[in-house]
PDB file of all heavy atoms in Angstrom:
ATOM      1  N   PHE A   1    -125.931-123.046  11.497  1.00  0.00           N
ATOM      2  CA  PHE A   1    -126.060-121.619  11.783  1.00  0.00           C
ATOM      3  C   PHE A   1    -126.401-121.350  13.244  1.00  0.00           C
ATOM      4  O   PHE A   1    -125.968-120.350  13.804  1.00  0.00           O
ATOM      5  CB  PHE A   1    -127.072-120.972  10.830  1.00  0.00           C
ATOM      6  CG  PHE A   1    -126.550-120.929   9.420  1.00  0.00           C
ATOM      7  CD1 PHE A   1    -127.066-121.780   8.452  1.00  0.00           C
ATOM      8  CD2 PHE A   1    -125.508-120.070   9.067  1.00  0.00           C
ATOM      9  CE1 PHE A   1    -126.560-121.763   7.154  1.00  0.00           C
ATOM     10  CE2 PHE A   1    -124.997-120.051   7.779  1.00  0.00           C
ATOM     11  CZ  PHE A   1    -125.526-120.892   6.816  1.00  0.00           C
ATOM     12  N   THR A   2    -127.116-122.267  13.871  1.00  0.00           N
ATOM     13  CA  THR A   2    -127.388-122.137  15.301  1.00  0.00           C
ATOM     14  C   THR A   2    -126.080-122.225  16.083  1.00  0.00           C
ATOM     15  O   THR A   2    -125.828-121.436  16.995  1.00  0.00           O
ATOM     16  CB  THR A   2    -128.363-123.249  15.774  1.00  0.00           C
ATOM     17  OG1 THR A   2    -129.560-123.140  15.010  1.00  0.00           O
ATOM     18  CG2 THR A   2    -128.660-123.145  17.243  1.00  0.00           C
ATOM     19  N   THR A   3    -125.250-123.166  15.706  1.00  0.00           N
ATOM     20  CA  THR A   3    -123.956-123.347  16.373  1.00  0.00           C
ATOM     21  C   THR A   3    -123.048-122.162  16.095  1.00  0.00           C
ATOM     22  O   THR A   3    -122.343-121.693  16.995  1.00  0.00           O
ATOM     23  CB  THR A   3    -123.302-124.668  15.920  1.00  0.00           C
ATOM     24  OG1 THR A   3    -124.211-125.738  16.156  1.00  0.00           O
ATOM     25  CG2 THR A   3    -121.999-124.928  16.665  1.00  0.00           C
ATOM     26  N   LEU A   4    -123.074-121.644  14.887  1.00  0.00           N
ATOM     27  CA  LEU A   4    -122.265-120.476  14.542  1.00  0.00           C
ATOM     28  C   LEU A   4    -122.710-119.255  15.356  1.00  0.00           C
ATOM     29  O   LEU A   4    -121.878-118.478  15.830  1.00  0.00           O
ATOM     30  CB  LEU A   4    -122.356-120.200  13.043  1.00  0.00           C
ATOM     31  CG  LEU A   4    -121.477-119.091  12.481  1.00  0.00           C
ATOM     32  CD1 LEU A   4    -120.005-119.298  12.819  1.00  0.00           C
ATOM     33  CD2 LEU A   4    -121.673-119.001  10.972  1.00  0.00           C
ATOM     34  N   ARG A   5    -124.018-119.104  15.547  1.00  0.00           N
ATOM     35  CA  ARG A   5    -124.515-117.990  16.373  1.00  0.00           C
ATOM     36  C   ARG A   5    -124.057-118.147  17.820  1.00  0.00           C
ATOM     37  O   ARG A   5    -123.713-117.169  18.487  1.00  0.00           O
ATOM     38  CB  ARG A   5    -126.036-117.900  16.286  1.00  0.00           C
ATOM     39  CG  ARG A   5    -126.524-117.155  15.062  1.00  0.00           C
ATOM     40  CD  ARG A   5    -128.016-116.857  15.099  1.00  0.00           C
ATOM     41  NE  ARG A   5    -128.847-118.029  14.863  1.00  0.00           N
ATOM     42  CZ  ARG A   5    -129.061-118.569  13.662  1.00  0.00           C
ATOM     43  NH1 ARG A   5    -128.526-118.034  12.588  1.00  0.00           N
ATOM     44  NH2 ARG A   5    -129.822-119.626  13.547  1.00  0.00           N
ATOM     45  N   GLU A   6    -124.058-119.369  18.319  1.00  0.00           N
ATOM     46  CA  GLU A   6    -123.582-119.620  19.686  1.00  0.00           C
ATOM     47  C   GLU A   6    -122.090-119.283  19.799  1.00  0.00           C
ATOM     48  O   GLU A   6    -121.652-118.676  20.780  1.00  0.00           O
ATOM     49  CB  GLU A   6    -123.840-121.072  20.099  1.00  0.00           C
ATOM     50  CG  GLU A   6    -123.249-121.467  21.433  1.00  0.00           C
ATOM     51  CD  GLU A   6    -123.780-120.688  22.619  1.00  0.00           C
ATOM     52  OE1 GLU A   6    -124.847-120.038  22.522  1.00  0.00           O
ATOM     53  OE2 GLU A   6    -123.104-120.712  23.672  1.00  0.00           O
ATOM     54  N   LEU A   7    -121.328-119.676  18.812  1.00  0.00           N
ATOM     55  CA  LEU A   7    -119.899-119.349  18.799  1.00  0.00           C
ATOM     56  C   LEU A   7    -119.706-117.838  18.822  1.00  0.00           C
ATOM     57  O   LEU A   7    -118.904-117.317  19.600  1.00  0.00           O
ATOM     58  CB  LEU A   7    -119.244-119.964  17.561  1.00  0.00           C
ATOM     59  CG  LEU A   7    -117.744-119.766  17.403  1.00  0.00           C
ATOM     60  CD1 LEU A   7    -116.975-120.437  18.531  1.00  0.00           C
ATOM     61  CD2 LEU A   7    -117.293-120.307  16.041  1.00  0.00           C
ATOM     62  N   MET A   8    -120.463-117.132  17.999  1.00  0.00           N
ATOM     63  CA  MET A   8    -120.373-115.677  17.951  1.00  0.00           C
ATOM     64  C   MET A   8    -120.733-115.079  19.309  1.00  0.00           C
ATOM     65  O   MET A   8    -120.066-114.157  19.791  1.00  0.00           O
ATOM     66  CB  MET A   8    -121.295-115.120  16.865  1.00  0.00           C
ATOM     67  CG  MET A   8    -121.181-113.620  16.706  1.00  0.00           C
ATOM     68  SD  MET A   8    -122.207-112.957  15.378  1.00  0.00           S
ATOM     69  CE  MET A   8    -123.794-112.937  16.188  1.00  0.00           C
ATOM     70  N   ARG A   9    -121.761-115.601  19.945  1.00  0.00           N
ATOM     71  CA  ARG A   9    -122.197-115.087  21.245  1.00  0.00           C
ATOM     72  C   ARG A   9    -121.108-115.264  22.310  1.00  0.00           C
ATOM     73  O   ARG A   9    -120.868-114.368  23.135  1.00  0.00           O
ATOM     74  CB  ARG A   9    -123.477-115.804  21.675  1.00  0.00           C
ATOM     75  CG  ARG A   9    -124.154-115.201  22.885  1.00  0.00           C
ATOM     76  CD  ARG A   9    -125.490-115.872  23.162  1.00  0.00           C
ATOM     77  NE  ARG A   9    -125.359-117.190  23.749  1.00  0.00           N
ATOM     78  CZ  ARG A   9    -125.073-117.423  25.022  1.00  0.00           C
ATOM     79  NH1 ARG A   9    -124.870-116.434  25.855  1.00  0.00           N
ATOM     80  NH2 ARG A   9    -124.985-118.649  25.472  1.00  0.00           N
ATOM     81  N   GLN A  10    -120.418-116.392  22.271  1.00  0.00           N
ATOM     82  CA  GLN A  10    -119.347-116.622  23.249  1.00  0.00           C
ATOM     83  C   GLN A  10    -118.175-115.661  23.026  1.00  0.00           C
ATOM     84  O   GLN A  10    -117.624-115.104  23.984  1.00  0.00           O
ATOM     85  CB  GLN A  10    -118.886-118.082  23.204  1.00  0.00           C
ATOM     86  CG  GLN A  10    -119.940-119.073  23.626  1.00  0.00           C
ATOM     87  CD  GLN A  10    -120.516-118.794  25.002  1.00  0.00           C
ATOM     88  OE1 GLN A  10    -119.803-118.417  25.928  1.00  0.00           O
ATOM     89  NE2 GLN A  10    -121.816-118.976  25.140  1.00  0.00           N
ATOM     90  N   PHE A  11    -117.813-115.447  21.777  1.00  0.00           N
ATOM     91  CA  PHE A  11    -116.752-114.478  21.483  1.00  0.00           C
ATOM     92  C   PHE A  11    -117.198-113.069  21.885  1.00  0.00           C
ATOM     93  O   PHE A  11    -116.413-112.296  22.433  1.00  0.00           O
ATOM     94  CB  PHE A  11    -116.361-114.507  19.999  1.00  0.00           C
ATOM     95  CG  PHE A  11    -115.463-115.657  19.623  1.00  0.00           C
ATOM     96  CD1 PHE A  11    -115.806-116.512  18.583  1.00  0.00           C
ATOM     97  CD2 PHE A  11    -114.265-115.880  20.284  1.00  0.00           C
ATOM     98  CE1 PHE A  11    -114.970-117.560  18.211  1.00  0.00           C
ATOM     99  CE2 PHE A  11    -113.424-116.928  19.928  1.00  0.00           C
ATOM    100  CZ  PHE A  11    -113.786-117.771  18.891  1.00  0.00           C
ATOM    101  N   HIS A  12    -118.457-112.737  21.628  1.00  0.00           N
ATOM    102  CA  HIS A  12    -118.990-111.429  21.994  1.00  0.00           C
ATOM    103  C   HIS A  12    -118.898-111.205  23.507  1.00  0.00           C
ATOM    104  O   HIS A  12    -118.476-110.133  23.966  1.00  0.00           O
ATOM    105  CB  HIS A  12    -120.451-111.308  21.532  1.00  0.00           C
ATOM    106  CG  HIS A  12    -121.125-110.059  21.972  1.00  0.00           C
ATOM    107  ND1 HIS A  12    -120.955-108.857  21.318  1.00  0.00           N
ATOM    108  CD2 HIS A  12    -121.959-109.819  23.012  1.00  0.00           C
ATOM    109  CE1 HIS A  12    -121.664-107.928  21.942  1.00  0.00           C
ATOM    110  NE2 HIS A  12    -122.284-108.492  22.971  1.00  0.00           N
ATOM    111  N   SER A  13    -119.264-112.207  24.271  1.00  0.00           N
ATOM    112  CA  SER A  13    -119.212-112.099  25.730  1.00  0.00           C
ATOM    113  C   SER A  13    -117.784-111.917  26.229  1.00  0.00           C
ATOM    114  O   SER A  13    -117.530-111.133  27.148  1.00  0.00           O
ATOM    115  CB  SER A  13    -119.836-113.329  26.380  1.00  0.00           C
ATOM    116  OG  SER A  13    -121.216-113.375  26.087  1.00  0.00           O
ATOM    117  N   LEU A  14    -116.853-112.634  25.630  1.00  0.00           N
ATOM    118  CA  LEU A  14    -115.443-112.462  26.010  1.00  0.00           C
ATOM    119  C   LEU A  14    -114.942-111.060  25.675  1.00  0.00           C
ATOM    120  O   LEU A  14    -114.209-110.458  26.453  1.00  0.00           O
ATOM    121  CB  LEU A  14    -114.569-113.505  25.314  1.00  0.00           C
ATOM    122  CG  LEU A  14    -114.508-114.870  25.959  1.00  0.00           C
ATOM    123  CD1 LEU A  14    -113.806-115.854  25.034  1.00  0.00           C
ATOM    124  CD2 LEU A  14    -113.779-114.795  27.292  1.00  0.00           C
ATOM    125  N   ALA A  15    -115.346-110.549  24.512  1.00  0.00           N
ATOM    126  CA  ALA A  15    -114.937-109.198  24.125  1.00  0.00           C
ATOM    127  C   ALA A  15    -115.469-108.179  25.124  1.00  0.00           C
ATOM    128  O   ALA A  15    -114.744-107.273  25.551  1.00  0.00           O
ATOM    129  CB  ALA A  15    -115.434-108.872  22.713  1.00  0.00           C
ATOM    130  N   GLY A  16    -116.714-108.326  25.520  1.00  0.00           N
ATOM    131  CA  GLY A  16    -117.300-107.407  26.492  1.00  0.00           C
ATOM    132  C   GLY A  16    -116.626-107.494  27.849  1.00  0.00           C
ATOM    133  O   GLY A  16    -116.341-106.473  28.481  1.00  0.00           O
ATOM    134  N   ALA A  17    -116.347-108.701  28.291  1.00  0.00           N
ATOM    135  CA  ALA A  17    -115.672-108.868  29.581  1.00  0.00           C
ATOM    136  C   ALA A  17    -114.261-108.300  29.527  1.00  0.00           C
ATOM    137  O   ALA A  17    -113.799-107.670  30.486  1.00  0.00           O
ATOM    138  CB  ALA A  17    -115.637-110.344  29.967  1.00  0.00           C
ATOM    139  N   GLY A  18    -113.583-108.483  28.400  1.00  0.00           N
ATOM    140  CA  GLY A  18    -112.247-107.905  28.257  1.00  0.00           C
ATOM    141  C   GLY A  18    -112.288-106.391  28.364  1.00  0.00           C
ATOM    142  O   GLY A  18    -111.423-105.773  29.001  1.00  0.00           O
ATOM    143  N   SER A  19    -113.301-105.794  27.773  1.00  0.00           N
ATOM    144  CA  SER A  19    -113.458-104.337  27.867  1.00  0.00           C
ATOM    145  C   SER A  19    -113.758-103.912  29.296  1.00  0.00           C
ATOM    146  O   SER A  19    -113.194-102.941  29.793  1.00  0.00           O
ATOM    147  CB  SER A  19    -114.588-103.860  26.951  1.00  0.00           C
ATOM    148  OG  SER A  19    -114.231-103.999  25.612  1.00  0.00           O
ATOM    149  N   THR A  20    -114.645-104.635  29.943  1.00  0.00           N
ATOM    150  CA  THR A  20    -115.030-104.294  31.313  1.00  0.00           C
ATOM    151  C   THR A  20    -113.826-104.285  32.246  1.00  0.00           C
ATOM    152  O   THR A  20    -113.707-103.407  33.100  1.00  0.00           O
ATOM    153  CB  THR A  20    -116.088-105.294  31.827  1.00  0.00           C
ATOM    154  OG1 THR A  20    -117.244-105.196  30.994  1.00  0.00           O
ATOM    155  CG2 THR A  20    -116.467-105.016  33.265  1.00  0.00           C
ATOM    156  N   PHE A  21    -112.935-105.246  32.083  1.00  0.00           N
ATOM    157  CA  PHE A  21    -111.799-105.372  32.989  1.00  0.00           C
ATOM    158  C   PHE A  21    -110.502-104.801  32.421  1.00  0.00           C
ATOM    159  O   PHE A  21    -109.428-105.055  32.943  1.00  0.00           O
ATOM    160  CB  PHE A  21    -111.628-106.834  33.407  1.00  0.00           C
ATOM    161  CG  PHE A  21    -112.726-107.299  34.300  1.00  0.00           C
ATOM    162  CD1 PHE A  21    -113.794-108.013  33.795  1.00  0.00           C
ATOM    163  CD2 PHE A  21    -112.727-106.967  35.642  1.00  0.00           C
ATOM    164  CE1 PHE A  21    -114.829-108.425  34.611  1.00  0.00           C
ATOM    165  CE2 PHE A  21    -113.757-107.368  36.470  1.00  0.00           C
ATOM    166  CZ  PHE A  21    -114.820-108.095  35.958  1.00  0.00           C
ATOM    167  N   SER A  22    -110.626-104.033  31.346  1.00  0.00           N
ATOM    168  CA  SER A  22    -109.472-103.355  30.736  1.00  0.00           C
ATOM    169  C   SER A  22    -108.380-104.327  30.294  1.00  0.00           C
ATOM    170  O   SER A  22    -107.204-104.146  30.603  1.00  0.00           O
ATOM    171  CB  SER A  22    -108.889-102.303  31.691  1.00  0.00           C
ATOM    172  OG  SER A  22    -109.851-101.324  31.965  1.00  0.00           O
ATOM    173  N   TYR A  23    -108.791-105.357  29.563  1.00  0.00           N
ATOM    174  CA  TYR A  23    -107.864-106.283  28.938  1.00  0.00           C
ATOM    175  C   TYR A  23    -108.004-106.117  27.423  1.00  0.00           C
ATOM    176  O   TYR A  23    -108.709-106.890  26.765  1.00  0.00           O
ATOM    177  CB  TYR A  23    -108.145-107.730  29.351  1.00  0.00           C
ATOM    178  CG  TYR A  23    -107.993-108.005  30.826  1.00  0.00           C
ATOM    179  CD1 TYR A  23    -108.960-108.718  31.518  1.00  0.00           C
ATOM    180  CD2 TYR A  23    -106.880-107.557  31.532  1.00  0.00           C
ATOM    181  CE1 TYR A  23    -108.823-108.986  32.877  1.00  0.00           C
ATOM    182  CE2 TYR A  23    -106.739-107.816  32.886  1.00  0.00           C
ATOM    183  CZ  TYR A  23    -107.711-108.534  33.554  1.00  0.00           C
ATOM    184  OH  TYR A  23    -107.572-108.801  34.894  1.00  0.00           O
ATOM    185  N   PRO A  24    -107.346-105.105  26.847  1.00  0.00           N
ATOM    186  CA  PRO A  24    -107.564-104.798  25.429  1.00  0.00           C
ATOM    187  C   PRO A  24    -107.207-105.932  24.472  1.00  0.00           C
ATOM    188  O   PRO A  24    -107.866-106.099  23.444  1.00  0.00           O
ATOM    189  CB  PRO A  24    -106.706-103.562  25.187  1.00  0.00           C
ATOM    190  CG  PRO A  24    -105.750-103.495  26.316  1.00  0.00           C
ATOM    191  CD  PRO A  24    -106.378-104.213  27.472  1.00  0.00           C
ATOM    192  N   ALA A  25    -106.196-106.714  24.788  1.00  0.00           N
ATOM    193  CA  ALA A  25    -105.821-107.817  23.886  1.00  0.00           C
ATOM    194  C   ALA A  25    -106.937-108.856  23.831  1.00  0.00           C
ATOM    195  O   ALA A  25    -107.257-109.375  22.757  1.00  0.00           O
ATOM    196  CB  ALA A  25    -104.506-108.447  24.335  1.00  0.00           C
TER     197      ALA A  25
END
């Protein structure tokens, strides 16, 4: 579950960065 939370955090950060730079895909 610790590793799963880390995986989720990395995907979350990518989603936020995609939004910041207007990369909707």
